[in-house]
PDB file of all heavy atoms in Angstrom:
ATOM      1  N   GLN A   1       0.767  -1.213   0.031  1.00  0.00           N
ATOM      2  CA  GLN A   1      -0.008  -0.024  -0.077  1.00  0.00           C
ATOM      3  C   GLN A   1       0.913   1.267  -0.012  1.00  0.00           C
ATOM      4  O   GLN A   1       1.908   1.371   0.729  1.00  0.00           O
ATOM      5  CB  GLN A   1      -0.866  -0.010   1.249  1.00  0.00           C
ATOM      6  CG  GLN A   1      -1.851   1.173   1.286  1.00  0.00           C
ATOM      7  CD  GLN A   1      -2.658   1.217   2.605  1.00  0.00           C
ATOM      8  OE1 GLN A   1      -2.194   0.692   3.640  1.00  0.00           O
ATOM      9  NE2 GLN A   1      -3.828   1.850   2.582  1.00  0.00           N
ATOM     10  N   PRO A   2       0.521   2.281  -0.741  1.00  0.00           N
ATOM     11  CA  PRO A   2       1.299   3.514  -0.739  1.00  0.00           C
ATOM     12  C   PRO A   2       1.220   4.134   0.666  1.00  0.00           C
ATOM     13  O   PRO A   2       0.199   4.125   1.354  1.00  0.00           O
ATOM     14  CB  PRO A   2       0.570   4.487  -1.798  1.00  0.00           C
ATOM     15  CG  PRO A   2      -0.156   3.468  -2.724  1.00  0.00           C
ATOM     16  CD  PRO A   2      -0.540   2.307  -1.758  1.00  0.00           C
ATOM     17  N   ILE A   3       2.377   4.796   1.080  1.00  0.00           N
ATOM     18  CA  ILE A   3       2.403   5.305   2.404  1.00  0.00           C
ATOM     19  C   ILE A   3       1.505   6.394   2.687  1.00  0.00           C
ATOM     20  O   ILE A   3       0.921   6.505   3.810  1.00  0.00           O
ATOM     21  CB  ILE A   3       3.882   5.736   2.706  1.00  0.00           C
ATOM     22  CG1 ILE A   3       3.986   6.180   4.218  1.00  0.00           C
ATOM     23  CG2 ILE A   3       4.364   6.839   1.795  1.00  0.00           C
ATOM     24  CD1 ILE A   3       5.358   6.501   4.676  1.00  0.00           C
ATOM     25  N   LYS A   4       1.131   7.234   1.664  1.00  0.00           N
ATOM     26  CA  LYS A   4       0.174   8.298   1.924  1.00  0.00           C
ATOM     27  C   LYS A   4      -1.152   7.719   2.230  1.00  0.00           C
ATOM     28  O   LYS A   4      -1.841   8.145   3.238  1.00  0.00           O
ATOM     29  CB  LYS A   4       0.005   9.180   0.665  1.00  0.00           C
ATOM     30  CG  LYS A   4      -0.971  10.324   0.749  1.00  0.00           C
ATOM     31  CD  LYS A   4      -1.155  11.129  -0.405  1.00  0.00           C
ATOM     32  CE  LYS A   4      -2.208  12.123  -0.243  1.00  0.00           C
ATOM     33  NZ  LYS A   4      -2.447  13.036  -1.462  1.00  0.00           N
ATOM     34  N   ASN A   5      -1.671   6.693   1.540  1.00  0.00           N
ATOM     35  CA  ASN A   5      -2.958   6.069   1.865  1.00  0.00           C
ATOM     36  C   ASN A   5      -2.859   5.410   3.223  1.00  0.00           C
ATOM     37  O   ASN A   5      -3.896   5.501   3.971  1.00  0.00           O
ATOM     38  CB  ASN A   5      -3.233   4.979   0.820  1.00  0.00           C
ATOM     39  CG  ASN A   5      -3.369   5.556  -0.573  1.00  0.00           C
ATOM     40  OD1 ASN A   5      -2.391   5.994  -1.175  1.00  0.00           O
ATOM     41  ND2 ASN A   5      -4.576   5.604  -1.135  1.00  0.00           N
ATOM     42  N   PHE A   6      -1.772   4.833   3.572  1.00  0.00           N
ATOM     43  CA  PHE A   6      -1.528   4.232   4.897  1.00  0.00           C
ATOM     44  C   PHE A   6      -1.781   5.294   5.990  1.00  0.00           C
ATOM     45  O   PHE A   6      -2.519   5.028   7.028  1.00  0.00           O
ATOM     46  CB  PHE A   6      -0.198   3.614   4.911  1.00  0.00           C
ATOM     47  CG  PHE A   6       0.132   2.906   6.252  1.00  0.00           C
ATOM     48  CD1 PHE A   6      -0.466   1.781   6.578  1.00  0.00           C
ATOM     49  CD2 PHE A   6       1.144   3.408   7.032  1.00  0.00           C
ATOM     50  CE1 PHE A   6      -0.106   1.112   7.739  1.00  0.00           C
ATOM     51  CE2 PHE A   6       1.575   2.688   8.190  1.00  0.00           C
ATOM     52  CZ  PHE A   6       0.877   1.581   8.519  1.00  0.00           C
ATOM     53  N   LEU A   7      -1.194   6.401   5.841  1.00  0.00           N
ATOM     54  CA  LEU A   7      -1.251   7.439   6.885  1.00  0.00           C
ATOM     55  C   LEU A   7      -2.641   8.040   7.040  1.00  0.00           C
ATOM     56  O   LEU A   7      -3.030   8.582   8.064  1.00  0.00           O
ATOM     57  CB  LEU A   7      -0.223   8.546   6.676  1.00  0.00           C
ATOM     58  CG  LEU A   7       1.258   8.178   6.824  1.00  0.00           C
ATOM     59  CD1 LEU A   7       2.125   9.366   6.474  1.00  0.00           C
ATOM     60  CD2 LEU A   7       1.573   7.738   8.277  1.00  0.00           C
ATOM     61  N   MET A   8      -3.361   8.101   5.859  1.00  0.00           N
ATOM     62  CA  MET A   8      -4.702   8.653   5.897  1.00  0.00           C
ATOM     63  C   MET A   8      -5.794   7.687   6.346  1.00  0.00           C
ATOM     64  O   MET A   8      -6.904   8.099   6.584  1.00  0.00           O
ATOM     65  CB  MET A   8      -5.092   9.060   4.501  1.00  0.00           C
ATOM     66  CG  MET A   8      -4.263  10.255   3.975  1.00  0.00           C
ATOM     67  SD  MET A   8      -4.574  10.722   2.221  1.00  0.00           S
ATOM     68  CE  MET A   8      -6.325  10.981   2.224  1.00  0.00           C
ATOM     69  N   ASP A   9      -5.421   6.392   6.617  1.00  0.00           N
ATOM     70  CA  ASP A   9      -6.357   5.436   7.134  1.00  0.00           C
ATOM     71  C   ASP A   9      -6.492   5.674   8.622  1.00  0.00           C
ATOM     72  O   ASP A   9      -5.553   5.539   9.379  1.00  0.00           O
ATOM     73  CB  ASP A   9      -5.824   4.013   6.867  1.00  0.00           C
ATOM     74  CG  ASP A   9      -6.751   2.972   7.282  1.00  0.00           C
ATOM     75  OD1 ASP A   9      -7.748   3.295   7.969  1.00  0.00           O
ATOM     76  OD2 ASP A   9      -6.605   1.736   6.867  1.00  0.00           O
ATOM     77  N   SER A  10      -7.700   5.990   9.075  1.00  0.00           N
ATOM     78  CA  SER A  10      -7.945   6.362  10.547  1.00  0.00           C
ATOM     79  C   SER A  10      -7.703   5.087  11.423  1.00  0.00           C
ATOM     80  O   SER A  10      -7.531   5.292  12.588  1.00  0.00           O
ATOM     81  CB  SER A  10      -9.303   6.909  10.698  1.00  0.00           C
ATOM     82  OG  SER A  10     -10.372   5.900  10.339  1.00  0.00           O
ATOM     83  N   LYS A  11      -7.719   3.955  10.845  1.00  0.00           N
ATOM     84  CA  LYS A  11      -7.401   2.731  11.634  1.00  0.00           C
ATOM     85  C   LYS A  11      -5.899   2.521  11.851  1.00  0.00           C
ATOM     86  O   LYS A  11      -5.499   1.838  12.740  1.00  0.00           O
ATOM     87  CB  LYS A  11      -7.952   1.435  10.911  1.00  0.00           C
ATOM     88  CG  LYS A  11      -9.458   1.424  10.937  1.00  0.00           C
ATOM     89  CD  LYS A  11      -9.990   0.202  10.216  1.00  0.00           C
ATOM     90  CE  LYS A  11     -11.521   0.115  10.026  1.00  0.00           C
ATOM     91  NZ  LYS A  11     -12.053  -1.041   9.365  1.00  0.00           N
ATOM     92  N   THR A  12      -5.183   3.294  11.071  1.00  0.00           N
ATOM     93  CA  THR A  12      -3.645   3.249  11.250  1.00  0.00           C
ATOM     94  C   THR A  12      -3.288   4.379  12.327  1.00  0.00           C
ATOM     95  O   THR A  12      -2.491   4.081  13.214  1.00  0.00           O
ATOM     96  CB  THR A  12      -2.948   3.528   9.957  1.00  0.00           C
ATOM     97  OG1 THR A  12      -3.288   2.450   9.024  1.00  0.00           O
ATOM     98  CG2 THR A  12      -1.419   3.615  10.132  1.00  0.00           C
ATOM     99  N   VAL A  13      -3.764   5.554  12.032  1.00  0.00           N
ATOM    100  CA  VAL A  13      -3.482   6.682  12.898  1.00  0.00           C
ATOM    101  C   VAL A  13      -4.639   7.684  12.721  1.00  0.00           C
ATOM    102  O   VAL A  13      -5.179   7.795  11.739  1.00  0.00           O
ATOM    103  CB  VAL A  13      -2.129   7.361  12.535  1.00  0.00           C
ATOM    104  CG1 VAL A  13      -2.137   7.729  11.018  1.00  0.00           C
ATOM    105  CG2 VAL A  13      -1.813   8.602  13.319  1.00  0.00           C
ATOM    106  N   ALA A  14      -4.973   8.237  13.891  1.00  0.00           N
ATOM    107  CA  ALA A  14      -6.221   9.082  13.905  1.00  0.00           C
ATOM    108  C   ALA A  14      -5.839  10.491  13.627  1.00  0.00           C
ATOM    109  O   ALA A  14      -4.907  11.123  14.169  1.00  0.00           O
ATOM    110  CB  ALA A  14      -6.904   8.986  15.367  1.00  0.00           C
ATOM    111  N   GLY A  15      -6.739  11.046  12.700  1.00  0.00           N
ATOM    112  CA  GLY A  15      -6.675  12.475  12.528  1.00  0.00           C
ATOM    113  C   GLY A  15      -5.944  13.112  11.277  1.00  0.00           C
ATOM    114  O   GLY A  15      -5.949  14.270  11.029  1.00  0.00           O
ATOM    115  N   ILE A  16      -5.194  12.207  10.568  1.00  0.00           N
ATOM    116  CA  ILE A  16      -4.388  12.663   9.406  1.00  0.00           C
ATOM    117  C   ILE A  16      -5.206  12.466   8.134  1.00  0.00           C
ATOM    118  O   ILE A  16      -5.619  11.378   7.809  1.00  0.00           O
ATOM    119  CB  ILE A  16      -3.029  11.994   9.343  1.00  0.00           C
ATOM    120  CG1 ILE A  16      -2.213  12.222  10.643  1.00  0.00           C
ATOM    121  CG2 ILE A  16      -2.247  12.366   8.107  1.00  0.00           C
ATOM    122  CD1 ILE A  16      -0.957  11.464  10.620  1.00  0.00           C
ATOM    123  N   GLY A  17      -5.319  13.599   7.332  1.00  0.00           N
ATOM    124  CA  GLY A  17      -5.972  13.546   6.032  1.00  0.00           C
ATOM    125  C   GLY A  17      -5.100  13.910   4.948  1.00  0.00           C
ATOM    126  O   GLY A  17      -3.841  13.815   5.165  1.00  0.00           O
ATOM    127  N   ASN A  18      -5.628  14.275   3.874  1.00  0.00           N
ATOM    128  CA  ASN A  18      -4.807  14.589   2.709  1.00  0.00           C
ATOM    129  C   ASN A  18      -3.821  15.684   2.875  1.00  0.00           C
ATOM    130  O   ASN A  18      -2.570  15.504   2.465  1.00  0.00           O
ATOM    131  CB  ASN A  18      -5.780  14.902   1.508  1.00  0.00           C
ATOM    132  CG  ASN A  18      -4.998  15.134   0.205  1.00  0.00           C
ATOM    133  OD1 ASN A  18      -4.408  14.318  -0.405  1.00  0.00           O
ATOM    134  ND2 ASN A  18      -5.134  16.376  -0.271  1.00  0.00           N
ATOM    135  N   ILE A  19      -4.169  16.784   3.494  1.00  0.00           N
ATOM    136  CA  ILE A  19      -3.292  17.909   3.611  1.00  0.00           C
ATOM    137  C   ILE A  19      -2.079  17.550   4.496  1.00  0.00           C
ATOM    138  O   ILE A  19      -0.925  17.745   4.024  1.00  0.00           O
ATOM    139  CB  ILE A  19      -4.105  19.037   4.314  1.00  0.00           C
ATOM    140  CG1 ILE A  19      -5.213  19.611   3.492  1.00  0.00           C
ATOM    141  CG2 ILE A  19      -3.108  20.215   4.690  1.00  0.00           C
ATOM    142  CD1 ILE A  19      -6.072  20.522   4.226  1.00  0.00           C
ATOM    143  N   TYR A  20      -2.245  16.956   5.616  1.00  0.00           N
ATOM    144  CA  TYR A  20      -1.143  16.762   6.512  1.00  0.00           C
ATOM    145  C   TYR A  20      -0.352  15.473   6.145  1.00  0.00           C
ATOM    146  O   TYR A  20       0.858  15.429   6.408  1.00  0.00           O
ATOM    147  CB  TYR A  20      -1.600  16.717   7.982  1.00  0.00           C
ATOM    148  CG  TYR A  20      -2.004  18.103   8.332  1.00  0.00           C
ATOM    149  CD1 TYR A  20      -3.352  18.445   8.554  1.00  0.00           C
ATOM    150  CD2 TYR A  20      -1.030  19.046   8.524  1.00  0.00           C
ATOM    151  CE1 TYR A  20      -3.666  19.789   8.804  1.00  0.00           C
ATOM    152  CE2 TYR A  20      -1.441  20.440   8.858  1.00  0.00           C
ATOM    153  CZ  TYR A  20      -2.683  20.710   8.984  1.00  0.00           C
ATOM    154  OH  TYR A  20      -3.049  21.983   9.305  1.00  0.00           O
ATOM    155  N   ALA A  21      -0.996  14.511   5.473  1.00  0.00           N
ATOM    156  CA  ALA A  21      -0.202  13.399   4.955  1.00  0.00           C
ATOM    157  C   ALA A  21       0.852  13.962   3.867  1.00  0.00           C
ATOM    158  O   ALA A  21       1.969  13.555   3.980  1.00  0.00           O
ATOM    159  CB  ALA A  21      -1.083  12.341   4.270  1.00  0.00           C
ATOM    160  N   ASN A  22       0.388  14.835   3.051  1.00  0.00           N
ATOM    161  CA  ASN A  22       1.273  15.446   2.076  1.00  0.00           C
ATOM    162  C   ASN A  22       2.439  16.192   2.750  1.00  0.00           C
ATOM    163  O   ASN A  22       3.587  16.073   2.338  1.00  0.00           O
ATOM    164  CB  ASN A  22       0.556  16.432   1.214  1.00  0.00           C
ATOM    165  CG  ASN A  22      -0.252  15.588   0.131  1.00  0.00           C
ATOM    166  OD1 ASN A  22       0.031  14.512  -0.247  1.00  0.00           O
ATOM    167  ND2 ASN A  22      -1.316  16.303  -0.356  1.00  0.00           N
ATOM    168  N   GLU A  23       2.036  17.034   3.753  1.00  0.00           N
ATOM    169  CA  GLU A  23       3.060  17.859   4.463  1.00  0.00           C
ATOM    170  C   GLU A  23       4.102  16.944   5.119  1.00  0.00           C
ATOM    171  O   GLU A  23       5.340  17.192   5.100  1.00  0.00           O
ATOM    172  CB  GLU A  23       2.368  18.718   5.514  1.00  0.00           C
ATOM    173  CG  GLU A  23       1.578  19.816   4.849  1.00  0.00           C
ATOM    174  CD  GLU A  23       2.411  20.896   4.160  1.00  0.00           C
ATOM    175  OE1 GLU A  23       3.371  21.376   4.811  1.00  0.00           O
ATOM    176  OE2 GLU A  23       2.134  21.136   3.012  1.00  0.00           O
ATOM    177  N   ILE A  24       3.662  15.963   5.868  1.00  0.00           N
ATOM    178  CA  ILE A  24       4.601  15.007   6.605  1.00  0.00           C
ATOM    179  C   ILE A  24       5.542  14.363   5.657  1.00  0.00           C
ATOM    180  O   ILE A  24       6.729  14.296   5.954  1.00  0.00           O
ATOM    181  CB  ILE A  24       3.673  13.989   7.374  1.00  0.00           C
ATOM    182  CG1 ILE A  24       2.850  14.715   8.564  1.00  0.00           C
ATOM    183  CG2 ILE A  24       4.543  12.859   7.871  1.00  0.00           C
ATOM    184  CD1 ILE A  24       1.824  13.832   9.064  1.00  0.00           C
ATOM    185  N   LEU A  25       5.061  13.840   4.550  1.00  0.00           N
ATOM    186  CA  LEU A  25       5.913  13.101   3.590  1.00  0.00           C
ATOM    187  C   LEU A  25       6.832  14.024   2.921  1.00  0.00           C
ATOM    188  O   LEU A  25       8.037  13.654   2.697  1.00  0.00           O
ATOM    189  CB  LEU A  25       5.023  12.324   2.651  1.00  0.00           C
ATOM    190  CG  LEU A  25       4.202  11.176   3.259  1.00  0.00           C
ATOM    191  CD1 LEU A  25       3.268  10.566   2.214  1.00  0.00           C
ATOM    192  CD2 LEU A  25       5.056  10.148   3.877  1.00  0.00           C
ATOM    193  N   PHE A  26       6.448  15.280   2.685  1.00  0.00           N
ATOM    194  CA  PHE A  26       7.317  16.268   2.090  1.00  0.00           C
ATOM    195  C   PHE A  26       8.495  16.528   2.996  1.00  0.00           C
ATOM    196  O   PHE A  26       9.622  16.466   2.599  1.00  0.00           O
ATOM    197  CB  PHE A  26       6.608  17.542   1.758  1.00  0.00           C
ATOM    198  CG  PHE A  26       7.498  18.600   1.286  1.00  0.00           C
ATOM    199  CD1 PHE A  26       7.950  18.645  -0.012  1.00  0.00           C
ATOM    200  CD2 PHE A  26       8.007  19.627   2.122  1.00  0.00           C
ATOM    201  CE1 PHE A  26       8.758  19.692  -0.467  1.00  0.00           C
ATOM    202  CE2 PHE A  26       8.860  20.610   1.726  1.00  0.00           C
ATOM    203  CZ  PHE A  26       9.184  20.667   0.404  1.00  0.00           C
ATOM    204  N   TYR A  27       8.190  16.746   4.277  1.00  0.00           N
ATOM    205  CA  TYR A  27       9.314  17.085   5.261  1.00  0.00           C
ATOM    206  C   TYR A  27      10.125  15.819   5.499  1.00  0.00           C
ATOM    207  O   TYR A  27      11.283  15.974   5.877  1.00  0.00           O
ATOM    208  CB  TYR A  27       8.698  17.634   6.503  1.00  0.00           C
ATOM    209  CG  TYR A  27       8.346  19.117   6.372  1.00  0.00           C
ATOM    210  CD1 TYR A  27       7.020  19.530   6.240  1.00  0.00           C
ATOM    211  CD2 TYR A  27       9.291  20.074   6.321  1.00  0.00           C
ATOM    212  CE1 TYR A  27       6.623  20.847   6.081  1.00  0.00           C
ATOM    213  CE2 TYR A  27       8.922  21.380   6.196  1.00  0.00           C
ATOM    214  CZ  TYR A  27       7.690  21.760   5.976  1.00  0.00           C
ATOM    215  OH  TYR A  27       7.335  23.128   5.882  1.00  0.00           O
ATOM    216  N   ALA A  28       9.563  14.628   5.394  1.00  0.00           N
ATOM    217  CA  ALA A  28      10.358  13.406   5.659  1.00  0.00           C
ATOM    218  C   ALA A  28      11.100  12.983   4.358  1.00  0.00           C
ATOM    219  O   ALA A  28      11.984  12.106   4.478  1.00  0.00           O
ATOM    220  CB  ALA A  28       9.433  12.298   6.060  1.00  0.00           C
ATOM    221  N   GLY A  29      10.815  13.680   3.169  1.00  0.00           N
ATOM    222  CA  GLY A  29      11.537  13.301   1.974  1.00  0.00           C
ATOM    223  C   GLY A  29      11.170  11.977   1.395  1.00  0.00           C
ATOM    224  O   GLY A  29      12.029  11.276   0.900  1.00  0.00           O
ATOM    225  N   ILE A  30       9.930  11.664   1.591  1.00  0.00           N
ATOM    226  CA  ILE A  30       9.369  10.323   1.083  1.00  0.00           C
ATOM    227  C   ILE A  30       8.360  10.508   0.054  1.00  0.00           C
ATOM    228  O   ILE A  30       7.374  11.328   0.135  1.00  0.00           O
ATOM    229  CB  ILE A  30       8.746   9.510   2.293  1.00  0.00           C
ATOM    230  CG1 ILE A  30       9.802   9.338   3.409  1.00  0.00           C
ATOM    231  CG2 ILE A  30       8.216   8.185   1.878  1.00  0.00           C
ATOM    232  CD1 ILE A  30       9.212   8.765   4.674  1.00  0.00           C
ATOM    233  N   GLN A  31       8.438   9.788  -1.082  1.00  0.00           N
ATOM    234  CA  GLN A  31       7.439   9.839  -2.128  1.00  0.00           C
ATOM    235  C   GLN A  31       6.107   9.277  -1.598  1.00  0.00           C
ATOM    236  O   GLN A  31       6.112   8.222  -0.934  1.00  0.00           O
ATOM    237  CB  GLN A  31       7.847   9.037  -3.351  1.00  0.00           C
ATOM    238  CG  GLN A  31       8.986   9.680  -4.159  1.00  0.00           C
ATOM    239  CD  GLN A  31       8.423  10.802  -5.026  1.00  0.00           C
ATOM    240  OE1 GLN A  31       7.214  10.980  -5.195  1.00  0.00           O
ATOM    241  NE2 GLN A  31       9.304  11.611  -5.628  1.00  0.00           N
ATOM    242  N   PRO A  32       4.954   9.970  -1.787  1.00  0.00           N
ATOM    243  CA  PRO A  32       3.667   9.394  -1.309  1.00  0.00           C
ATOM    244  C   PRO A  32       3.304   8.018  -1.838  1.00  0.00           C
ATOM    245  O   PRO A  32       2.525   7.346  -1.175  1.00  0.00           O
ATOM    246  CB  PRO A  32       2.691  10.457  -1.828  1.00  0.00           C
ATOM    247  CG  PRO A  32       3.457  11.674  -1.977  1.00  0.00           C
ATOM    248  CD  PRO A  32       4.849  11.231  -2.498  1.00  0.00           C
ATOM    249  N   THR A  33       3.861   7.629  -2.939  1.00  0.00           N
ATOM    250  CA  THR A  33       3.500   6.371  -3.584  1.00  0.00           C
ATOM    251  C   THR A  33       4.426   5.231  -3.004  1.00  0.00           C
ATOM    252  O   THR A  33       4.236   4.031  -3.432  1.00  0.00           O
ATOM    253  CB  THR A  33       3.580   6.326  -5.076  1.00  0.00           C
ATOM    254  OG1 THR A  33       4.854   6.872  -5.469  1.00  0.00           O
ATOM    255  CG2 THR A  33       2.506   7.358  -5.644  1.00  0.00           C
ATOM    256  N   THR A  34       5.371   5.480  -2.182  1.00  0.00           N
ATOM    257  CA  THR A  34       6.332   4.429  -1.669  1.00  0.00           C
ATOM    258  C   THR A  34       5.522   3.437  -0.969  1.00  0.00           C
ATOM    259  O   THR A  34       4.766   3.611  -0.143  1.00  0.00           O
ATOM    260  CB  THR A  34       7.322   5.044  -0.747  1.00  0.00           C
ATOM    261  OG1 THR A  34       7.963   6.149  -1.386  1.00  0.00           O
ATOM    262  CG2 THR A  34       8.321   4.019  -0.243  1.00  0.00           C
ATOM    263  N   PRO A  35       5.791   2.072  -1.394  1.00  0.00           N
ATOM    264  CA  PRO A  35       5.131   0.942  -0.673  1.00  0.00           C
ATOM    265  C   PRO A  35       5.544   0.848   0.729  1.00  0.00           C
ATOM    266  O   PRO A  35       6.767   0.910   1.124  1.00  0.00           O
ATOM    267  CB  PRO A  35       5.605  -0.316  -1.506  1.00  0.00           C
ATOM    268  CG  PRO A  35       6.141   0.266  -2.797  1.00  0.00           C
ATOM    269  CD  PRO A  35       6.606   1.599  -2.486  1.00  0.00           C
ATOM    270  N   ILE A  36       4.586   0.718   1.635  1.00  0.00           N
ATOM    271  CA  ILE A  36       4.882   0.675   3.118  1.00  0.00           C
ATOM    272  C   ILE A  36       5.773  -0.502   3.517  1.00  0.00           C
ATOM    273  O   ILE A  36       6.548  -0.368   4.439  1.00  0.00           O
ATOM    274  CB  ILE A  36       3.654   0.760   3.938  1.00  0.00           C
ATOM    275  CG1 ILE A  36       2.662  -0.384   3.559  1.00  0.00           C
ATOM    276  CG2 ILE A  36       2.955   2.113   3.799  1.00  0.00           C
ATOM    277  CD1 ILE A  36       1.382  -0.444   4.416  1.00  0.00           C
TER     278      ILE A  36
END
């Protein structure tokens, strides 16, 4: 599964949606499509 989708899944972590998943991965230097 792409890491962005993983972080946006509320069963994985609560409260992160599209905006902050993008921000987090940008600052971490990780492509959103990277397989978890």
